[in-house]
N, C-alpha and C. Protein backbone atom coordinates (compact mmCIF):
# COMPACT_ATOMS: atom_id res chain seq x y z
N MET A 1 81.16 36.62 -25.71
CA MET A 1 80.57 37.77 -25.02
C MET A 1 81.29 38.04 -23.69
N LYS A 2 82.58 38.11 -23.73
CA LYS A 2 83.32 38.28 -22.49
C LYS A 2 83.36 39.73 -22.05
N GLU A 3 83.36 40.64 -23.01
CA GLU A 3 83.49 42.05 -22.67
C GLU A 3 82.13 42.66 -22.37
N ASP A 4 82.07 43.41 -21.29
CA ASP A 4 80.82 44.06 -20.89
C ASP A 4 81.20 45.37 -20.22
N PHE A 5 81.27 46.43 -21.01
CA PHE A 5 81.71 47.72 -20.48
C PHE A 5 80.82 48.20 -19.36
N LEU A 6 79.50 48.05 -19.54
CA LEU A 6 78.58 48.53 -18.51
C LEU A 6 78.84 47.83 -17.18
N GLY A 7 79.00 46.51 -17.22
CA GLY A 7 79.27 45.76 -16.00
C GLY A 7 80.58 46.16 -15.36
N GLU A 8 81.60 46.37 -16.19
CA GLU A 8 82.90 46.78 -15.66
C GLU A 8 82.84 48.21 -15.13
N PHE A 9 82.08 49.06 -15.83
CA PHE A 9 82.00 50.47 -15.46
C PHE A 9 81.36 50.65 -14.09
N ILE A 10 80.26 49.93 -13.84
CA ILE A 10 79.59 50.07 -12.55
C ILE A 10 80.10 49.05 -11.53
N GLY A 11 81.02 48.19 -11.96
CA GLY A 11 81.62 47.24 -11.04
C GLY A 11 80.67 46.16 -10.58
N ASN A 12 79.66 45.86 -11.39
CA ASN A 12 78.65 44.89 -10.97
C ASN A 12 77.97 44.31 -12.21
N THR A 13 78.43 43.15 -12.64
CA THR A 13 77.88 42.53 -13.84
C THR A 13 76.42 42.15 -13.65
N SER A 14 76.07 41.68 -12.46
CA SER A 14 74.68 41.28 -12.19
C SER A 14 73.74 42.47 -12.35
N ARG A 15 74.13 43.61 -11.79
CA ARG A 15 73.29 44.80 -11.89
C ARG A 15 73.19 45.26 -13.34
N ALA A 16 74.29 45.19 -14.06
CA ALA A 16 74.29 45.60 -15.46
C ALA A 16 73.30 44.77 -16.27
N ARG A 17 73.28 43.47 -16.03
CA ARG A 17 72.37 42.59 -16.77
C ARG A 17 70.91 42.91 -16.45
N ILE A 18 70.63 43.18 -15.19
CA ILE A 18 69.25 43.47 -14.79
C ILE A 18 68.81 44.83 -15.32
N VAL A 19 69.71 45.80 -15.30
CA VAL A 19 69.39 47.12 -15.86
C VAL A 19 69.03 46.99 -17.34
N ARG A 20 69.77 46.16 -18.06
CA ARG A 20 69.49 45.98 -19.49
C ARG A 20 68.09 45.42 -19.72
N ILE A 21 67.67 44.51 -18.85
CA ILE A 21 66.33 43.93 -19.01
C ILE A 21 65.29 45.03 -19.07
N PHE A 22 65.37 45.96 -18.13
CA PHE A 22 64.36 47.02 -18.05
C PHE A 22 64.55 48.08 -19.13
N MET A 23 65.79 48.36 -19.52
CA MET A 23 66.03 49.37 -20.55
C MET A 23 65.67 48.87 -21.94
N PHE A 24 65.83 47.57 -22.16
CA PHE A 24 65.51 47.00 -23.47
C PHE A 24 64.05 46.57 -23.57
N ASN A 25 63.34 46.57 -22.45
CA ASN A 25 61.93 46.14 -22.41
C ASN A 25 61.16 47.11 -21.53
N GLN A 26 61.08 48.36 -21.96
CA GLN A 26 60.65 49.44 -21.07
C GLN A 26 59.18 49.41 -20.68
N SER A 27 58.37 48.64 -21.36
CA SER A 27 56.95 48.59 -20.99
C SER A 27 56.57 47.27 -20.31
N ASP A 28 57.54 46.40 -20.11
CA ASP A 28 57.25 45.08 -19.56
C ASP A 28 57.37 45.04 -18.04
N VAL A 29 56.65 44.09 -17.44
CA VAL A 29 56.64 43.90 -15.99
C VAL A 29 57.18 42.50 -15.69
N TYR A 30 58.01 42.40 -14.65
CA TYR A 30 58.67 41.13 -14.35
C TYR A 30 58.58 40.77 -12.88
N THR A 31 58.50 39.46 -12.61
CA THR A 31 58.66 38.95 -11.25
C THR A 31 60.15 38.71 -11.04
N ALA A 32 60.53 38.46 -9.80
CA ALA A 32 61.94 38.18 -9.51
C ALA A 32 62.41 36.93 -10.24
N VAL A 33 61.53 35.94 -10.34
CA VAL A 33 61.88 34.69 -11.03
C VAL A 33 62.16 34.96 -12.51
N GLN A 34 61.33 35.79 -13.12
CA GLN A 34 61.51 36.12 -14.53
C GLN A 34 62.79 36.92 -14.75
N ILE A 35 63.07 37.83 -13.83
CA ILE A 35 64.30 38.62 -13.93
C ILE A 35 65.52 37.71 -13.82
N ALA A 36 65.47 36.77 -12.89
CA ALA A 36 66.58 35.83 -12.71
C ALA A 36 66.80 35.00 -13.97
N LYS A 37 65.71 34.55 -14.57
CA LYS A 37 65.81 33.71 -15.77
C LYS A 37 66.38 34.49 -16.94
N ARG A 38 65.92 35.71 -17.12
CA ARG A 38 66.38 36.50 -18.26
C ARG A 38 67.81 37.00 -18.10
N SER A 39 68.17 37.32 -16.88
CA SER A 39 69.49 37.90 -16.65
C SER A 39 70.57 36.86 -16.42
N GLY A 40 70.17 35.67 -15.99
CA GLY A 40 71.15 34.65 -15.64
C GLY A 40 71.76 34.90 -14.27
N VAL A 41 71.19 35.84 -13.52
CA VAL A 41 71.66 36.14 -12.15
C VAL A 41 70.91 35.21 -11.19
N LYS A 42 71.64 34.57 -10.31
CA LYS A 42 71.01 33.56 -9.45
C LYS A 42 71.10 33.92 -7.97
N GLY A 43 70.31 33.17 -7.20
CA GLY A 43 70.36 33.28 -5.75
C GLY A 43 69.87 34.61 -5.20
N LYS A 44 70.42 34.97 -4.06
CA LYS A 44 70.00 36.19 -3.37
C LYS A 44 70.39 37.46 -4.12
N SER A 45 71.34 37.32 -5.03
CA SER A 45 71.82 38.50 -5.77
C SER A 45 70.70 39.19 -6.54
N VAL A 46 69.73 38.40 -7.02
CA VAL A 46 68.64 38.98 -7.80
C VAL A 46 67.86 40.00 -6.98
N MET A 47 67.41 39.59 -5.79
CA MET A 47 66.63 40.49 -4.95
C MET A 47 67.47 41.66 -4.45
N GLN A 48 68.74 41.42 -4.19
CA GLN A 48 69.62 42.51 -3.75
C GLN A 48 69.70 43.59 -4.81
N GLU A 49 69.85 43.18 -6.06
CA GLU A 49 69.96 44.15 -7.15
C GLU A 49 68.63 44.83 -7.43
N ILE A 50 67.54 44.07 -7.34
CA ILE A 50 66.21 44.66 -7.53
C ILE A 50 65.98 45.76 -6.50
N LYS A 51 66.29 45.47 -5.25
CA LYS A 51 66.09 46.46 -4.18
C LYS A 51 66.98 47.68 -4.40
N SER A 52 68.20 47.46 -4.87
CA SER A 52 69.11 48.58 -5.12
C SER A 52 68.59 49.47 -6.24
N LEU A 53 68.11 48.86 -7.31
CA LEU A 53 67.58 49.63 -8.44
C LEU A 53 66.29 50.35 -8.07
N GLU A 54 65.51 49.71 -7.20
CA GLU A 54 64.27 50.34 -6.73
C GLU A 54 64.61 51.55 -5.86
N LYS A 55 65.61 51.40 -5.03
CA LYS A 55 66.03 52.50 -4.15
C LYS A 55 66.57 53.68 -4.96
N LEU A 56 67.24 53.38 -6.07
CA LEU A 56 67.77 54.43 -6.94
C LEU A 56 66.68 55.11 -7.76
N GLY A 57 65.50 54.50 -7.79
CA GLY A 57 64.39 55.09 -8.53
C GLY A 57 64.31 54.66 -9.98
N ILE A 58 65.16 53.72 -10.38
CA ILE A 58 65.18 53.27 -11.77
C ILE A 58 63.99 52.37 -12.07
N ILE A 59 63.65 51.52 -11.12
CA ILE A 59 62.48 50.65 -11.28
C ILE A 59 61.53 50.87 -10.11
N LYS A 60 60.32 50.41 -10.28
CA LYS A 60 59.33 50.52 -9.21
C LYS A 60 58.48 49.26 -9.17
N LYS A 61 57.79 49.06 -8.07
CA LYS A 61 56.93 47.89 -7.95
C LYS A 61 55.69 48.05 -8.81
N GLY A 62 55.29 46.95 -9.44
CA GLY A 62 54.06 46.93 -10.21
C GLY A 62 52.99 46.20 -9.43
N LYS A 63 51.92 45.84 -10.10
CA LYS A 63 50.85 45.10 -9.45
C LYS A 63 51.33 43.69 -9.15
N SER A 64 50.89 43.14 -8.03
CA SER A 64 51.26 41.77 -7.70
C SER A 64 50.54 40.82 -8.64
N THR A 65 51.00 39.59 -8.68
CA THR A 65 50.39 38.60 -9.57
C THR A 65 49.16 37.95 -8.94
N SER A 66 48.73 38.41 -7.78
CA SER A 66 47.64 37.76 -7.05
C SER A 66 46.33 37.77 -7.82
N ASP A 67 46.00 38.93 -8.48
CA ASP A 67 44.74 39.03 -9.22
C ASP A 67 44.69 38.01 -10.35
N LYS A 68 45.79 37.91 -11.09
CA LYS A 68 45.85 36.97 -12.19
C LYS A 68 45.75 35.54 -11.67
N SER A 69 46.44 35.28 -10.54
CA SER A 69 46.42 33.94 -9.97
C SER A 69 45.03 33.56 -9.53
N ALA A 70 44.30 34.55 -8.96
CA ALA A 70 42.96 34.28 -8.47
C ALA A 70 42.02 33.92 -9.61
N LYS A 71 42.13 34.64 -10.73
CA LYS A 71 41.28 34.35 -11.89
C LYS A 71 41.59 32.97 -12.45
N THR A 72 42.89 32.67 -12.53
CA THR A 72 43.29 31.37 -13.04
C THR A 72 42.83 30.26 -12.12
N ALA A 73 42.86 30.55 -10.81
CA ALA A 73 42.51 29.53 -9.82
C ALA A 73 41.07 29.09 -9.95
N ARG A 74 40.20 29.97 -10.43
CA ARG A 74 38.79 29.62 -10.55
C ARG A 74 38.52 28.71 -11.75
N LYS A 75 39.50 28.55 -12.60
CA LYS A 75 39.28 27.79 -13.83
C LYS A 75 39.41 26.28 -13.65
N SER A 76 40.18 25.83 -12.67
CA SER A 76 40.36 24.40 -12.49
C SER A 76 40.67 24.07 -11.05
N ARG A 77 40.42 22.82 -10.69
CA ARG A 77 40.69 22.39 -9.32
C ARG A 77 42.17 22.46 -9.00
N GLN A 78 42.97 22.11 -9.98
CA GLN A 78 44.41 22.15 -9.76
C GLN A 78 44.88 23.55 -9.43
N ASN A 79 44.37 24.51 -10.13
CA ASN A 79 44.76 25.89 -9.87
C ASN A 79 44.16 26.41 -8.58
N ARG A 80 43.02 25.85 -8.17
CA ARG A 80 42.43 26.28 -6.90
C ARG A 80 43.36 25.98 -5.74
N LYS A 81 44.14 24.93 -5.89
CA LYS A 81 45.06 24.56 -4.82
C LYS A 81 46.12 25.63 -4.60
N THR A 82 46.40 26.39 -5.67
CA THR A 82 47.44 27.42 -5.56
C THR A 82 46.86 28.80 -5.28
N ALA A 83 45.52 28.87 -5.16
CA ALA A 83 44.88 30.18 -4.99
C ALA A 83 45.31 30.86 -3.71
N GLY A 84 45.61 30.04 -2.69
CA GLY A 84 46.00 30.64 -1.42
C GLY A 84 47.49 30.89 -1.30
N ALA A 85 48.21 30.56 -2.36
CA ALA A 85 49.66 30.75 -2.31
C ALA A 85 50.00 32.24 -2.29
N LYS A 86 51.17 32.52 -1.78
CA LYS A 86 51.62 33.91 -1.67
C LYS A 86 51.79 34.52 -3.05
N SER A 87 51.24 35.72 -3.24
CA SER A 87 51.36 36.39 -4.53
C SER A 87 52.78 36.87 -4.75
N GLU A 88 53.15 37.01 -6.01
CA GLU A 88 54.49 37.45 -6.36
C GLU A 88 54.51 38.94 -6.66
N SER A 89 55.54 39.59 -6.18
CA SER A 89 55.73 41.01 -6.49
C SER A 89 56.27 41.14 -7.91
N THR A 90 55.99 42.26 -8.53
CA THR A 90 56.52 42.53 -9.86
C THR A 90 57.18 43.90 -9.88
N TRP A 91 58.03 44.10 -10.88
CA TRP A 91 58.72 45.39 -11.03
C TRP A 91 58.71 45.80 -12.49
N LEU A 92 58.77 47.10 -12.71
CA LEU A 92 58.86 47.65 -14.05
C LEU A 92 59.69 48.92 -14.01
N LEU A 93 60.13 49.35 -15.18
CA LEU A 93 60.89 50.59 -15.28
C LEU A 93 60.02 51.75 -14.85
N ASP A 94 60.58 52.65 -14.05
CA ASP A 94 59.83 53.82 -13.60
C ASP A 94 59.96 54.92 -14.66
N PRO A 95 58.89 55.21 -15.40
CA PRO A 95 58.97 56.24 -16.45
C PRO A 95 59.24 57.63 -15.90
N GLY A 96 59.06 57.81 -14.58
CA GLY A 96 59.30 59.10 -13.97
C GLY A 96 60.73 59.29 -13.50
N PHE A 97 61.58 58.29 -13.69
CA PHE A 97 62.99 58.41 -13.30
C PHE A 97 63.64 59.55 -14.07
N LYS A 98 64.19 60.52 -13.35
CA LYS A 98 64.64 61.76 -14.01
C LYS A 98 65.80 61.58 -14.98
N HIS A 99 66.57 60.50 -14.82
CA HIS A 99 67.70 60.28 -15.72
C HIS A 99 67.40 59.17 -16.73
N LEU A 100 66.13 58.86 -16.93
CA LEU A 100 65.76 57.72 -17.77
C LEU A 100 66.31 57.83 -19.19
N ARG A 101 66.09 58.96 -19.83
CA ARG A 101 66.53 59.11 -21.21
C ARG A 101 68.04 58.97 -21.33
N ALA A 102 68.75 59.61 -20.42
CA ALA A 102 70.22 59.56 -20.47
C ALA A 102 70.72 58.14 -20.20
N LEU A 103 70.13 57.49 -19.20
CA LEU A 103 70.57 56.13 -18.85
C LEU A 103 70.23 55.15 -19.97
N SER A 104 69.04 55.29 -20.54
CA SER A 104 68.64 54.39 -21.63
C SER A 104 69.58 54.54 -22.82
N SER A 105 69.90 55.77 -23.16
CA SER A 105 70.81 56.03 -24.27
C SER A 105 72.18 55.43 -23.99
N PHE A 106 72.66 55.61 -22.76
CA PHE A 106 73.97 55.10 -22.38
C PHE A 106 74.01 53.58 -22.44
N VAL A 107 72.98 52.94 -21.89
CA VAL A 107 72.92 51.48 -21.86
C VAL A 107 72.92 50.91 -23.28
N HIS A 108 72.13 51.53 -24.18
CA HIS A 108 72.11 51.06 -25.56
C HIS A 108 73.45 51.29 -26.25
N GLU A 109 74.07 52.42 -25.96
CA GLU A 109 75.34 52.76 -26.61
C GLU A 109 76.45 51.78 -26.22
N VAL A 110 76.47 51.35 -24.96
CA VAL A 110 77.57 50.51 -24.48
C VAL A 110 77.17 49.05 -24.35
N SER A 111 76.06 48.66 -24.98
CA SER A 111 75.65 47.26 -24.94
C SER A 111 76.79 46.39 -25.46
N PRO A 112 76.93 45.20 -24.91
CA PRO A 112 78.09 44.37 -25.24
C PRO A 112 78.02 43.75 -26.64
N ILE A 113 77.88 44.62 -27.64
CA ILE A 113 77.88 44.12 -29.01
C ILE A 113 79.32 44.05 -29.49
N ARG A 114 79.95 42.93 -29.31
CA ARG A 114 81.30 42.72 -29.80
C ARG A 114 81.15 41.88 -31.06
N TYR A 115 81.28 42.54 -32.20
CA TYR A 115 80.88 41.93 -33.45
C TYR A 115 81.61 40.62 -33.73
N GLY A 116 82.90 40.60 -33.45
CA GLY A 116 83.66 39.37 -33.66
C GLY A 116 83.14 38.24 -32.81
N ASN A 117 82.73 38.55 -31.59
CA ASN A 117 82.21 37.53 -30.69
C ASN A 117 80.87 36.99 -31.19
N ILE A 118 80.02 37.88 -31.69
CA ILE A 118 78.72 37.43 -32.21
C ILE A 118 78.93 36.52 -33.42
N LEU A 119 79.75 36.94 -34.35
CA LEU A 119 80.01 36.12 -35.52
C LEU A 119 80.65 34.80 -35.14
N GLY A 120 81.57 34.85 -34.19
CA GLY A 120 82.23 33.63 -33.74
C GLY A 120 81.26 32.63 -33.16
N ALA A 121 80.31 33.14 -32.38
CA ALA A 121 79.32 32.26 -31.75
C ALA A 121 78.37 31.67 -32.78
N LEU A 122 78.07 32.42 -33.84
CA LEU A 122 77.12 31.96 -34.84
C LEU A 122 77.74 31.00 -35.86
N LYS A 123 79.06 30.96 -35.93
CA LYS A 123 79.73 30.16 -36.96
C LYS A 123 79.40 28.68 -36.87
N SER A 124 79.08 28.21 -35.69
CA SER A 124 78.79 26.78 -35.53
C SER A 124 77.47 26.38 -36.20
N SER A 125 76.67 27.37 -36.57
CA SER A 125 75.35 27.08 -37.15
C SER A 125 75.40 26.86 -38.66
N GLY A 126 76.55 27.09 -39.29
CA GLY A 126 76.67 26.89 -40.73
C GLY A 126 77.70 27.83 -41.33
N ARG A 127 77.84 27.79 -42.63
CA ARG A 127 78.77 28.70 -43.32
C ARG A 127 78.05 30.02 -43.55
N LEU A 128 78.33 30.97 -42.70
CA LEU A 128 77.59 32.23 -42.70
C LEU A 128 77.80 33.02 -43.98
N ALA A 129 76.68 33.53 -44.51
CA ALA A 129 76.75 34.39 -45.69
C ALA A 129 76.36 35.82 -45.34
N VAL A 130 75.32 35.97 -44.52
CA VAL A 130 74.83 37.30 -44.14
C VAL A 130 74.44 37.29 -42.68
N VAL A 131 74.87 38.33 -41.95
CA VAL A 131 74.43 38.54 -40.57
C VAL A 131 74.10 40.02 -40.43
N VAL A 132 72.86 40.31 -40.06
CA VAL A 132 72.40 41.69 -39.93
C VAL A 132 71.80 41.91 -38.55
N LEU A 133 72.21 42.99 -37.89
CA LEU A 133 71.64 43.38 -36.61
C LEU A 133 70.59 44.46 -36.83
N SER A 134 69.48 44.35 -36.12
CA SER A 134 68.40 45.32 -36.22
C SER A 134 67.70 45.37 -34.87
N GLY A 135 66.48 45.89 -34.85
CA GLY A 135 65.65 45.83 -33.65
C GLY A 135 66.31 46.34 -32.39
N CYS A 136 66.37 45.49 -31.38
CA CYS A 136 66.90 45.91 -30.08
C CYS A 136 68.35 46.35 -30.14
N PHE A 137 69.11 45.79 -31.08
CA PHE A 137 70.52 46.17 -31.20
C PHE A 137 70.67 47.61 -31.68
N MET A 138 69.65 48.10 -32.35
CA MET A 138 69.64 49.48 -32.85
C MET A 138 68.78 50.38 -31.98
N GLY A 139 68.22 49.82 -30.90
CA GLY A 139 67.35 50.60 -30.03
C GLY A 139 65.98 50.87 -30.63
N ASP A 140 65.56 50.02 -31.57
CA ASP A 140 64.26 50.20 -32.23
C ASP A 140 63.47 48.91 -32.15
N LEU A 141 62.61 48.79 -31.14
CA LEU A 141 61.85 47.57 -30.93
C LEU A 141 60.66 47.44 -31.87
N THR A 142 60.43 48.43 -32.73
CA THR A 142 59.33 48.33 -33.69
C THR A 142 59.72 47.50 -34.91
N ARG A 143 60.99 47.18 -35.05
CA ARG A 143 61.41 46.36 -36.18
C ARG A 143 60.95 44.91 -35.95
N PRO A 144 60.72 44.16 -37.04
CA PRO A 144 60.18 42.80 -36.89
C PRO A 144 61.13 41.80 -36.26
N VAL A 145 62.44 41.98 -36.44
CA VAL A 145 63.42 41.06 -35.85
C VAL A 145 64.63 41.84 -35.36
N ASP A 146 65.41 41.19 -34.51
CA ASP A 146 66.65 41.78 -34.01
C ASP A 146 67.87 41.28 -34.79
N LEU A 147 67.72 40.12 -35.39
CA LEU A 147 68.86 39.47 -36.04
C LEU A 147 68.39 38.70 -37.27
N ILE A 148 69.10 38.88 -38.37
CA ILE A 148 68.85 38.08 -39.58
C ILE A 148 70.13 37.31 -39.90
N VAL A 149 69.97 36.03 -40.14
CA VAL A 149 71.11 35.18 -40.46
C VAL A 149 70.80 34.40 -41.73
N ALA A 150 71.75 34.41 -42.67
CA ALA A 150 71.66 33.56 -43.86
C ALA A 150 72.93 32.74 -43.91
N ALA A 151 72.78 31.45 -44.18
CA ALA A 151 73.96 30.58 -44.16
C ALA A 151 73.76 29.36 -45.05
N ASP A 152 74.87 28.79 -45.50
CA ASP A 152 74.84 27.52 -46.21
C ASP A 152 74.90 26.40 -45.17
N ASN A 153 74.21 25.31 -45.45
CA ASN A 153 74.16 24.17 -44.52
C ASN A 153 73.76 24.62 -43.13
N LEU A 154 72.70 25.39 -43.06
CA LEU A 154 72.26 25.98 -41.79
C LEU A 154 71.75 24.91 -40.82
N ASN A 155 72.29 24.93 -39.61
CA ASN A 155 71.84 24.04 -38.54
C ASN A 155 71.05 24.91 -37.56
N GLU A 156 69.72 24.84 -37.64
CA GLU A 156 68.89 25.75 -36.86
C GLU A 156 68.96 25.49 -35.36
N SER A 157 69.16 24.25 -34.96
CA SER A 157 69.25 23.96 -33.52
C SER A 157 70.51 24.57 -32.93
N ARG A 158 71.61 24.53 -33.67
CA ARG A 158 72.85 25.16 -33.19
C ARG A 158 72.71 26.68 -33.18
N LEU A 159 72.02 27.19 -34.18
CA LEU A 159 71.80 28.64 -34.23
C LEU A 159 70.98 29.08 -33.03
N GLU A 160 69.91 28.36 -32.75
CA GLU A 160 69.06 28.70 -31.62
C GLU A 160 69.84 28.64 -30.31
N HIS A 161 70.67 27.63 -30.16
CA HIS A 161 71.48 27.49 -28.95
C HIS A 161 72.43 28.68 -28.80
N ALA A 162 73.07 29.07 -29.89
CA ALA A 162 74.01 30.20 -29.85
C ALA A 162 73.30 31.48 -29.46
N ILE A 163 72.11 31.69 -30.01
CA ILE A 163 71.36 32.91 -29.71
C ILE A 163 70.89 32.92 -28.26
N LYS A 164 70.51 31.77 -27.74
CA LYS A 164 70.09 31.67 -26.34
C LYS A 164 71.23 32.09 -25.41
N GLU A 165 72.46 31.85 -25.84
CA GLU A 165 73.62 32.26 -25.04
C GLU A 165 73.73 33.77 -24.96
N PHE A 166 73.25 34.48 -25.98
CA PHE A 166 73.31 35.95 -25.98
C PHE A 166 72.30 36.55 -25.01
N GLU A 167 71.17 35.93 -24.88
CA GLU A 167 70.02 36.57 -24.25
C GLU A 167 70.26 37.06 -22.82
N PRO A 168 70.90 36.27 -21.93
CA PRO A 168 71.14 36.80 -20.58
C PRO A 168 72.02 38.04 -20.58
N VAL A 169 72.93 38.12 -21.55
CA VAL A 169 73.83 39.28 -21.62
C VAL A 169 73.08 40.53 -22.04
N PHE A 170 72.16 40.37 -23.00
CA PHE A 170 71.41 41.53 -23.50
C PHE A 170 70.13 41.78 -22.74
N GLY A 171 69.75 40.86 -21.86
CA GLY A 171 68.59 41.08 -21.01
C GLY A 171 67.26 40.99 -21.71
N ARG A 172 67.20 40.31 -22.84
CA ARG A 172 65.93 40.17 -23.54
C ARG A 172 65.99 38.98 -24.51
N GLU A 173 64.82 38.57 -24.94
CA GLU A 173 64.74 37.54 -25.96
C GLU A 173 65.18 38.14 -27.29
N ILE A 174 66.04 37.44 -28.00
CA ILE A 174 66.51 37.91 -29.30
C ILE A 174 65.60 37.32 -30.38
N ARG A 175 64.88 38.19 -31.06
CA ARG A 175 64.00 37.75 -32.16
C ARG A 175 64.85 37.64 -33.43
N TYR A 176 64.78 36.50 -34.08
CA TYR A 176 65.63 36.32 -35.24
C TYR A 176 64.90 35.59 -36.36
N SER A 177 65.42 35.76 -37.57
CA SER A 177 64.96 35.00 -38.73
C SER A 177 66.19 34.42 -39.41
N ALA A 178 66.09 33.15 -39.79
CA ALA A 178 67.22 32.47 -40.40
C ALA A 178 66.81 31.89 -41.75
N PHE A 179 67.72 31.96 -42.71
CA PHE A 179 67.44 31.50 -44.06
C PHE A 179 68.65 30.78 -44.63
N SER A 180 68.39 29.89 -45.57
CA SER A 180 69.49 29.38 -46.38
C SER A 180 69.92 30.52 -47.29
N THR A 181 71.14 30.47 -47.79
CA THR A 181 71.62 31.56 -48.65
C THR A 181 70.76 31.73 -49.91
N PRO A 182 70.37 30.65 -50.60
CA PRO A 182 69.50 30.83 -51.77
C PRO A 182 68.15 31.45 -51.43
N GLU A 183 67.57 31.04 -50.30
CA GLU A 183 66.28 31.60 -49.91
C GLU A 183 66.40 33.09 -49.61
N PHE A 184 67.47 33.47 -48.92
CA PHE A 184 67.67 34.89 -48.60
C PHE A 184 67.83 35.70 -49.89
N ARG A 185 68.58 35.15 -50.84
CA ARG A 185 68.77 35.84 -52.12
C ARG A 185 67.42 36.02 -52.83
N TYR A 186 66.59 34.99 -52.79
CA TYR A 186 65.27 35.06 -53.41
C TYR A 186 64.40 36.11 -52.73
N ARG A 187 64.41 36.14 -51.40
CA ARG A 187 63.59 37.10 -50.67
C ARG A 187 64.03 38.54 -50.96
N LEU A 188 65.32 38.74 -51.16
CA LEU A 188 65.79 40.07 -51.56
C LEU A 188 65.22 40.44 -52.93
N THR A 189 65.20 39.48 -53.83
CA THR A 189 64.73 39.72 -55.19
C THR A 189 63.27 40.12 -55.24
N ILE A 190 62.45 39.48 -54.41
CA ILE A 190 61.00 39.76 -54.45
C ILE A 190 60.59 40.87 -53.48
N GLN A 191 61.60 41.54 -52.89
CA GLN A 191 61.31 42.63 -51.95
C GLN A 191 60.46 42.14 -50.77
N ASP A 192 60.88 41.02 -50.20
CA ASP A 192 60.18 40.43 -49.05
C ASP A 192 59.95 41.48 -47.96
N HIS A 193 58.74 41.46 -47.39
CA HIS A 193 58.35 42.50 -46.43
C HIS A 193 59.27 42.52 -45.21
N LEU A 194 59.56 41.35 -44.63
CA LEU A 194 60.40 41.31 -43.44
C LEU A 194 61.80 41.85 -43.73
N ILE A 195 62.35 41.43 -44.86
CA ILE A 195 63.69 41.88 -45.22
C ILE A 195 63.72 43.39 -45.44
N ARG A 196 62.76 43.90 -46.18
CA ARG A 196 62.72 45.34 -46.46
C ARG A 196 62.44 46.13 -45.19
N ASP A 197 61.58 45.59 -44.33
CA ASP A 197 61.24 46.29 -43.09
C ASP A 197 62.42 46.32 -42.13
N THR A 198 63.43 45.55 -42.43
CA THR A 198 64.67 45.57 -41.66
C THR A 198 65.72 46.45 -42.33
N LEU A 199 65.95 46.21 -43.61
CA LEU A 199 67.02 46.91 -44.32
C LEU A 199 66.70 48.36 -44.65
N ASP A 200 65.43 48.73 -44.66
CA ASP A 200 65.06 50.12 -44.97
C ASP A 200 65.13 51.02 -43.74
N TYR A 201 65.49 50.44 -42.60
CA TYR A 201 65.58 51.20 -41.35
C TYR A 201 66.97 50.98 -40.75
N PRO A 202 67.33 51.73 -39.70
CA PRO A 202 68.66 51.57 -39.12
C PRO A 202 68.98 50.10 -38.82
N HIS A 203 70.12 49.65 -39.31
CA HIS A 203 70.56 48.28 -39.11
C HIS A 203 72.07 48.26 -39.25
N MET A 204 72.66 47.13 -38.95
CA MET A 204 74.11 47.00 -39.10
C MET A 204 74.43 45.65 -39.74
N VAL A 205 75.15 45.70 -40.83
CA VAL A 205 75.56 44.48 -41.52
C VAL A 205 76.88 44.01 -40.92
N LEU A 206 76.85 42.89 -40.22
CA LEU A 206 78.08 42.35 -39.64
C LEU A 206 78.84 41.51 -40.64
N LEU A 207 78.09 40.90 -41.55
CA LEU A 207 78.74 40.04 -42.54
C LEU A 207 77.91 40.04 -43.82
N ASP A 208 78.61 40.15 -44.95
CA ASP A 208 77.97 40.03 -46.26
C ASP A 208 78.98 39.34 -47.17
N ARG A 209 79.19 38.06 -46.90
CA ARG A 209 80.26 37.31 -47.54
C ARG A 209 80.13 37.26 -49.06
N THR A 210 78.92 37.11 -49.55
CA THR A 210 78.71 36.99 -50.99
C THR A 210 78.21 38.28 -51.63
N ARG A 211 78.28 39.36 -50.89
CA ARG A 211 77.89 40.69 -51.39
C ARG A 211 76.46 40.71 -51.93
N LEU A 212 75.56 40.20 -51.13
CA LEU A 212 74.15 40.22 -51.49
C LEU A 212 73.51 41.56 -51.17
N LEU A 213 74.06 42.27 -50.20
CA LEU A 213 73.45 43.53 -49.74
C LEU A 213 74.14 44.75 -50.36
């Protein structure tokens, strides 16, 4: 995942990663800590970019976490100790941003989907038979998964590790389903709901080694 047109275009990889978080998760609210974790941006850079995006009108402040903390604090003595702690600010995408549709479309169009890089990263998880992109990669979060992988000798821990490497780049959790090649073939045969709910809608087949699709 070395290439990132958006980051190169705006001259700021950190900002590009944070913008993706909000564009790919348009109804979600985040604290600075959550933004840092999802984006992989560390230190003071996180708040600098948040303030810049807020100033541009792309994001806005949400409700602080104080109300939630107060309710939680009443549940146990341990949490009561944190009741007086400083509340955390949150941010969310501003739906009133006048260029929202254009920016969202642009961000999705130039997302760093370098197909060779994705396949290369996934190869360590087994002998790949099928790799399908859906969901967030297609700009459709209503799909059940973002990625389907079928492989021989599948190593799920390696697969999970490889996918975790993608997440800071794409600014969101990648939802995936993994199958052995025989199981995937069987699920195709029985018209499995998850498979059909992916393949019957916009998707991209990155690999179909055994021509199952």
